[in-house]
């Protein structure tokens, strides 16, 4: 039993590692199809990673050890979080008690913080722009993330994501409670911010909209591949938390069998398909905003988190 649980935990990490580019490819494809364009193949992110890993790195002369270490910190952080959250199974695994839901959020933030430092390290003006803009977004995004996690912890009387999942599975009143619905809306706003889907973001190299792309503009070769892969895994992890802990807690393996894990992967991809389509539609119908209006969706998410905490205490 212990061996099977360890293998299942490794399977969760491999699921995030290997399927994260597929989710990115589907989102990019869906965006283009909604805009009536053909778009890239859904497997294009795998090809891009292969290309970057086989290119030579060009290192700026002003780069320090932070420049070299940041991609590995970010990539490693994304491998730690799947150990703590329900990805393929809804039962706690051997190492899942190393950290609670707030601990997982802190690990995610650590990876982003390392990239912010890397963007500032080389002294490039675009890296400074991206890092400063990311920090400005984090001023509202991080408190909102903490409040959402506190709200779901108050609802479940526990800070372990597996306990939250079991509560929502076993109690329809808890799932449809105002507190939980507000938390879903609050986390959805965070999902748009953390996956670069706000109308102030851009995945291109347009100076006025560059945020994440600006931070990693000085990277190339294998180091750039690690950063791109880590970003895809972060997106996959956030989708997993949103689907398995908040919105759609059903469909995960209960006994950890091989057939159950395969079914969990298929179910997880179907959940992602539904959420990604909603995200793409929301992103597409919004008009492009000036950067200073970034606080509007973040303030809405913050308000939803506050309402969730207040309503959970009133019930």
Protein backbone atom coordinates (compact mmCIF):
# COMPACT_ATOMS: atom_id res chain seq x y z
CA UNK A 1 0.00 0.00 0.00
CA UNK A 2 2.81 2.43 0.90
CA UNK A 3 4.62 1.64 -2.35
CA UNK A 4 1.46 2.19 -4.41
CA UNK A 5 0.86 5.54 -2.68
CA UNK A 6 4.41 6.65 -3.43
CA UNK A 7 4.00 5.64 -7.08
CA UNK A 8 0.70 7.53 -7.19
CA UNK A 9 2.38 10.62 -5.80
CA UNK A 10 5.11 10.36 -8.43
CA UNK A 11 2.34 9.94 -11.00
CA UNK A 12 0.78 13.23 -9.89
CA UNK A 13 4.07 15.06 -10.40
CA UNK A 14 4.59 13.44 -13.81
CA UNK A 15 1.03 14.34 -14.80
CA UNK A 16 1.70 18.02 -14.15
CA UNK A 17 5.15 17.85 -15.75
CA UNK A 18 4.07 16.11 -18.97
CA UNK A 19 0.58 17.49 -19.56
CA UNK A 20 1.21 21.16 -18.75
CA UNK A 21 2.36 21.98 -22.33
CA UNK A 22 -0.75 20.25 -23.69
CA UNK A 23 -3.01 22.57 -21.68
CA UNK A 24 -1.06 25.58 -22.94
CA UNK A 25 -1.37 24.32 -26.52
CA UNK A 26 -5.12 23.87 -26.19
CA UNK A 27 -5.62 27.37 -24.76
CA UNK A 28 -3.58 28.97 -27.55
CA UNK A 29 -5.49 26.95 -30.15
CA UNK A 30 -8.86 27.85 -28.60
CA UNK A 31 -7.96 31.56 -28.55
CA UNK A 32 -7.23 31.53 -32.26
CA UNK A 33 -10.33 29.52 -33.12
CA UNK A 34 -12.57 31.90 -31.17
CA UNK A 35 -11.02 34.74 -33.18
CA UNK A 36 -11.68 32.76 -36.39
CA UNK A 37 -8.03 32.01 -37.03
CA UNK A 38 -6.45 28.62 -37.58
CA UNK A 39 -3.92 28.84 -34.77
CA UNK A 40 -0.96 26.57 -33.90
CA UNK A 41 -1.18 22.85 -33.30
CA UNK A 42 -2.02 21.92 -29.68
CA UNK A 43 1.34 20.10 -29.49
CA UNK A 44 3.32 23.21 -30.50
CA UNK A 45 4.48 23.95 -26.90
CA UNK A 46 6.24 20.54 -26.85
CA UNK A 47 8.04 21.44 -30.06
CA UNK A 48 9.01 24.84 -28.68
CA UNK A 49 10.49 23.26 -25.55
CA UNK A 50 12.42 20.75 -27.65
CA UNK A 51 13.76 23.62 -29.78
CA UNK A 52 14.84 25.68 -26.76
CA UNK A 53 16.57 22.73 -25.09
CA UNK A 54 18.64 22.18 -28.23
CA UNK A 55 19.73 25.82 -28.61
CA UNK A 56 22.79 27.48 -27.16
CA UNK A 57 22.33 29.89 -24.26
CA UNK A 58 23.39 33.51 -24.74
CA UNK A 59 24.19 34.99 -21.32
CA UNK A 60 24.31 38.76 -20.67
CA UNK A 61 27.64 40.05 -19.39
CA UNK A 62 25.95 41.64 -16.37
CA UNK A 63 24.26 38.40 -15.26
CA UNK A 64 25.04 37.12 -11.76
CA UNK A 65 24.34 33.81 -10.03
CA UNK A 66 20.70 34.90 -9.62
CA UNK A 67 20.26 34.76 -13.40
CA UNK A 68 21.39 31.12 -13.51
CA UNK A 69 19.64 29.96 -10.34
CA UNK A 70 16.17 31.48 -10.91
CA UNK A 71 15.02 29.03 -13.65
CA UNK A 72 15.92 26.04 -11.48
CA UNK A 73 14.15 27.49 -8.41
CA UNK A 74 11.03 28.23 -10.42
CA UNK A 75 11.01 24.81 -12.11
CA UNK A 76 11.63 22.93 -8.84
CA UNK A 77 8.90 24.86 -7.03
CA UNK A 78 6.37 23.75 -9.64
CA UNK A 79 7.40 20.12 -9.05
CA UNK A 80 6.81 20.41 -5.29
CA UNK A 81 3.22 21.70 -5.36
CA UNK A 82 1.67 18.56 -7.03
CA UNK A 83 2.87 16.58 -4.01
CA UNK A 84 0.61 18.66 -1.74
CA UNK A 85 -2.64 18.87 -3.75
CA UNK A 86 -5.17 16.36 -5.13
CA UNK A 87 -4.37 15.86 -8.81
CA UNK A 88 -5.29 12.24 -9.57
CA UNK A 89 -6.67 10.99 -6.26
CA UNK A 90 -8.84 12.44 -3.50
CA UNK A 91 -7.10 10.55 -0.69
CA UNK A 92 -4.07 11.95 1.17
CA UNK A 93 -0.72 10.60 -0.01
CA UNK A 94 2.47 10.01 2.05
CA UNK A 95 4.06 13.44 1.51
CA UNK A 96 0.89 15.50 1.16
CA UNK A 97 1.01 16.53 4.83
CA UNK A 98 4.31 18.40 4.32
CA UNK A 99 2.31 21.57 3.74
CA UNK A 100 -1.25 22.85 3.74
CA UNK A 101 -3.05 24.92 1.12
CA UNK A 102 -1.26 28.09 2.23
CA UNK A 103 2.08 26.29 2.00
CA UNK A 104 1.35 25.37 -1.61
CA UNK A 105 0.53 29.00 -2.35
CA UNK A 106 3.82 30.11 -0.82
CA UNK A 107 5.77 27.65 -2.98
CA UNK A 108 4.04 29.01 -6.10
CA UNK A 109 4.92 32.54 -5.01
CA UNK A 110 8.55 31.53 -4.45
CA UNK A 111 8.91 30.56 -8.11
CA UNK A 112 7.45 33.88 -9.26
CA UNK A 113 9.66 35.82 -6.84
CA UNK A 114 12.78 34.14 -8.25
CA UNK A 115 11.83 35.23 -11.78
CA UNK A 116 11.23 38.81 -10.58
CA UNK A 117 14.77 38.89 -9.19
CA UNK A 118 16.12 37.44 -12.43
CA UNK A 119 14.34 40.14 -14.43
CA UNK A 120 16.07 42.81 -12.35
CA UNK A 121 19.44 41.06 -12.23
CA UNK A 122 20.73 41.83 -15.72
CA UNK A 123 19.86 45.53 -15.57
CA UNK A 124 17.89 45.34 -18.83
CA UNK A 125 15.17 47.99 -19.00
CA UNK A 126 12.54 45.50 -20.19
CA UNK A 127 13.34 43.11 -17.36
CA UNK A 128 12.83 45.97 -14.91
CA UNK A 129 9.50 46.85 -16.53
CA UNK A 130 8.25 43.27 -16.32
CA UNK A 131 9.42 42.76 -12.74
CA UNK A 132 7.92 46.06 -11.52
CA UNK A 133 4.61 45.34 -13.22
CA UNK A 134 4.51 41.85 -11.77
CA UNK A 135 5.17 43.25 -8.30
CA UNK A 136 2.34 45.75 -8.73
CA UNK A 137 -0.04 42.95 -9.69
CA UNK A 138 1.15 40.88 -6.73
CA UNK A 139 0.27 43.65 -4.28
CA UNK A 140 -3.41 42.80 -4.79
CA UNK A 141 -3.13 39.24 -6.14
CA UNK A 142 -1.25 37.72 -3.19
CA UNK A 143 -3.60 39.06 -0.45
CA UNK A 144 -6.56 37.86 -2.50
CA UNK A 145 -4.99 34.41 -2.84
CA UNK A 146 -4.43 34.24 0.93
CA UNK A 147 -8.01 35.35 1.66
CA UNK A 148 -9.42 32.77 -0.76
CA UNK A 149 -7.42 30.02 0.94
CA UNK A 150 -8.45 31.30 4.39
CA UNK A 151 -12.07 31.35 3.26
CA UNK A 152 -12.05 27.76 2.02
CA UNK A 153 -10.22 26.71 5.21
CA UNK A 154 -12.92 28.32 7.38
CA UNK A 155 -15.58 26.57 5.33
CA UNK A 156 -13.94 23.14 5.64
CA UNK A 157 -12.49 23.69 9.15
CA UNK A 158 -9.19 22.49 7.73
CA UNK A 159 -6.29 23.85 5.67
CA UNK A 160 -5.62 20.58 3.81
CA UNK A 161 -6.93 20.56 0.21
CA UNK A 162 -7.88 16.87 0.46
CA UNK A 163 -10.24 17.65 3.38
CA UNK A 164 -11.79 20.49 1.39
CA UNK A 165 -12.36 18.15 -1.52
CA UNK A 166 -14.09 15.56 0.68
CA UNK A 167 -16.30 18.22 2.26
CA UNK A 168 -17.55 19.48 -1.11
CA UNK A 169 -18.02 15.92 -2.34
CA UNK A 170 -20.09 14.90 0.66
CA UNK A 171 -22.11 18.04 1.36
CA UNK A 172 -24.31 19.67 -1.27
CA UNK A 173 -25.20 22.44 1.19
CA UNK A 174 -21.51 23.34 1.59
CA UNK A 175 -20.94 23.27 -2.17
CA UNK A 176 -23.90 25.55 -2.94
CA UNK A 177 -23.37 27.82 0.06
CA UNK A 178 -22.85 31.55 -0.69
CA UNK A 179 -19.37 31.37 0.85
CA UNK A 180 -18.23 28.67 -1.56
CA UNK A 181 -19.75 30.39 -4.60
CA UNK A 182 -18.00 33.64 -3.70
CA UNK A 183 -14.72 31.72 -3.33
CA UNK A 184 -15.15 30.25 -6.82
CA UNK A 185 -15.60 33.74 -8.27
CA UNK A 186 -12.64 35.07 -6.30
CA UNK A 187 -10.33 32.27 -7.41
CA UNK A 188 -11.48 32.65 -11.01
CA UNK A 189 -10.36 36.29 -10.93
CA UNK A 190 -7.00 35.12 -9.58
CA UNK A 191 -6.80 32.48 -12.30
CA UNK A 192 -7.06 35.18 -14.96
CA UNK A 193 -4.30 37.20 -13.29
CA UNK A 194 -1.86 34.38 -12.54
CA UNK A 195 -2.20 32.81 -16.02
CA UNK A 196 -1.74 36.16 -17.82
CA UNK A 197 -5.31 36.39 -19.14
CA UNK A 198 -6.15 39.91 -17.99
CA UNK A 199 -6.70 42.47 -20.77
CA UNK A 200 -3.50 44.21 -19.60
CA UNK A 201 -1.39 41.11 -20.35
CA UNK A 202 0.16 40.06 -23.62
CA UNK A 203 2.12 36.97 -24.62
CA UNK A 204 3.79 38.95 -27.43
CA UNK A 205 6.79 41.27 -27.34
CA UNK A 206 4.80 44.50 -27.55
CA UNK A 207 6.52 46.84 -25.11
CA UNK A 208 3.35 48.46 -23.74
CA UNK A 209 1.81 45.12 -22.72
CA UNK A 210 4.87 43.04 -21.81
CA UNK A 211 4.85 41.63 -18.28
CA UNK A 212 5.97 38.02 -18.01
CA UNK A 213 7.70 38.07 -21.40
CA UNK A 214 9.69 41.12 -20.30
CA UNK A 215 11.05 39.35 -17.21
CA UNK A 216 12.55 36.52 -19.24
CA UNK A 217 13.57 38.52 -22.32
CA UNK A 218 17.30 38.02 -21.59
CA UNK A 219 16.99 34.23 -21.41
CA UNK A 220 17.63 31.77 -24.22
CA UNK A 221 18.33 28.10 -24.78
CA UNK A 222 17.77 25.54 -21.99
CA UNK A 223 17.30 28.19 -19.30
CA UNK A 224 14.46 29.74 -21.29
CA UNK A 225 12.96 26.27 -21.77
CA UNK A 226 12.93 25.72 -18.00
CA UNK A 227 11.19 29.07 -17.44
CA UNK A 228 8.60 28.41 -20.14
CA UNK A 229 7.95 24.92 -18.81
CA UNK A 230 7.64 26.21 -15.24
CA UNK A 231 5.11 28.80 -16.39
CA UNK A 232 3.04 26.10 -18.09
CA UNK A 233 3.18 23.94 -14.96
CA UNK A 234 2.06 26.86 -12.80
CA UNK A 235 -0.94 27.31 -15.07
CA UNK A 236 -1.69 23.57 -14.88
CA UNK A 237 -1.43 23.62 -11.06
CA UNK A 238 -3.76 26.61 -10.73
CA UNK A 239 -6.29 24.91 -13.01
CA UNK A 240 -5.97 21.75 -10.91
CA UNK A 241 -6.61 23.60 -7.65
CA UNK A 242 -9.53 25.48 -9.17
CA UNK A 243 -11.13 22.32 -10.60
CA UNK A 244 -10.35 19.67 -7.96
CA UNK A 245 -10.60 21.80 -4.82
CA UNK A 246 -13.11 24.52 -5.71
CA UNK A 247 -15.28 24.07 -8.80
CA UNK A 248 -15.45 20.39 -9.86
CA UNK A 249 -14.25 18.14 -7.01
CA UNK A 250 -15.59 14.98 -8.65
CA UNK A 251 -13.95 12.38 -10.88
CA UNK A 252 -10.73 11.55 -9.05
CA UNK A 253 -9.50 8.06 -8.24
CA UNK A 254 -10.46 6.83 -4.77
CA UNK A 255 -8.46 3.60 -4.64
CA UNK A 256 -5.38 4.51 -6.68
CA UNK A 257 -5.67 1.71 -9.23
CA UNK A 258 -4.07 2.03 -12.65
CA UNK A 259 -7.48 2.16 -14.32
CA UNK A 260 -8.67 4.75 -11.80
CA UNK A 261 -5.62 6.95 -12.43
CA UNK A 262 -6.16 6.76 -16.19
CA UNK A 263 -9.78 7.77 -15.68
CA UNK A 264 -8.66 10.62 -13.42
CA UNK A 265 -6.35 11.96 -16.13
CA UNK A 266 -9.15 11.89 -18.71
CA UNK A 267 -11.57 13.55 -16.28
CA UNK A 268 -9.01 16.19 -15.38
CA UNK A 269 -8.45 17.05 -19.04
CA UNK A 270 -12.21 17.36 -19.57
CA UNK A 271 -12.46 19.73 -16.59
CA UNK A 272 -9.61 21.79 -18.01
CA UNK A 273 -11.35 21.85 -21.39
CA UNK A 274 -14.46 23.38 -19.83
CA UNK A 275 -12.62 25.94 -17.67
CA UNK A 276 -10.18 26.88 -20.46
CA UNK A 277 -13.05 27.58 -22.86
CA UNK A 278 -14.66 29.89 -20.29
CA UNK A 279 -11.32 31.64 -19.68
CA UNK A 280 -10.73 32.10 -23.43
CA UNK A 281 -14.23 33.51 -23.95
CA UNK A 282 -13.88 35.91 -20.99
CA UNK A 283 -10.47 37.04 -22.24
CA UNK A 284 -11.67 37.47 -25.84
CA UNK A 285 -14.80 39.50 -25.10
CA UNK A 286 -12.88 41.98 -22.94
CA UNK A 287 -11.47 45.08 -24.55
CA UNK A 288 -7.79 45.83 -24.11
CA UNK A 289 -7.28 47.96 -20.99
CA UNK A 290 -4.52 50.34 -19.99
CA UNK A 291 -2.22 48.90 -17.37
CA UNK A 292 -3.31 51.22 -14.56
CA UNK A 293 -6.75 49.55 -14.64
CA UNK A 294 -5.29 46.20 -13.59
CA UNK A 295 -6.69 46.73 -10.08
CA UNK A 296 -10.32 46.46 -11.22
CA UNK A 297 -10.55 42.64 -11.68
CA UNK A 298 -8.18 42.12 -8.74
CA UNK A 299 -10.33 44.31 -6.51
CA UNK A 300 -13.36 42.28 -7.58
CA UNK A 301 -11.59 39.06 -6.60
CA UNK A 302 -10.56 40.60 -3.27
CA UNK A 303 -14.17 41.65 -2.61
CA UNK A 304 -15.47 38.14 -3.40
CA UNK A 305 -12.96 36.66 -0.94
CA UNK A 306 -14.05 39.08 1.79
CA UNK A 307 -17.73 38.29 1.14
CA UNK A 308 -16.95 34.57 1.33
CA UNK A 309 -15.26 34.91 4.73
CA UNK A 310 -18.07 37.07 6.11
CA UNK A 311 -20.83 34.79 4.83
CA UNK A 312 -19.07 31.69 6.17
CA UNK A 313 -19.06 33.24 9.65
CA UNK A 314 -22.73 34.21 9.45
CA UNK A 315 -23.92 30.71 8.60
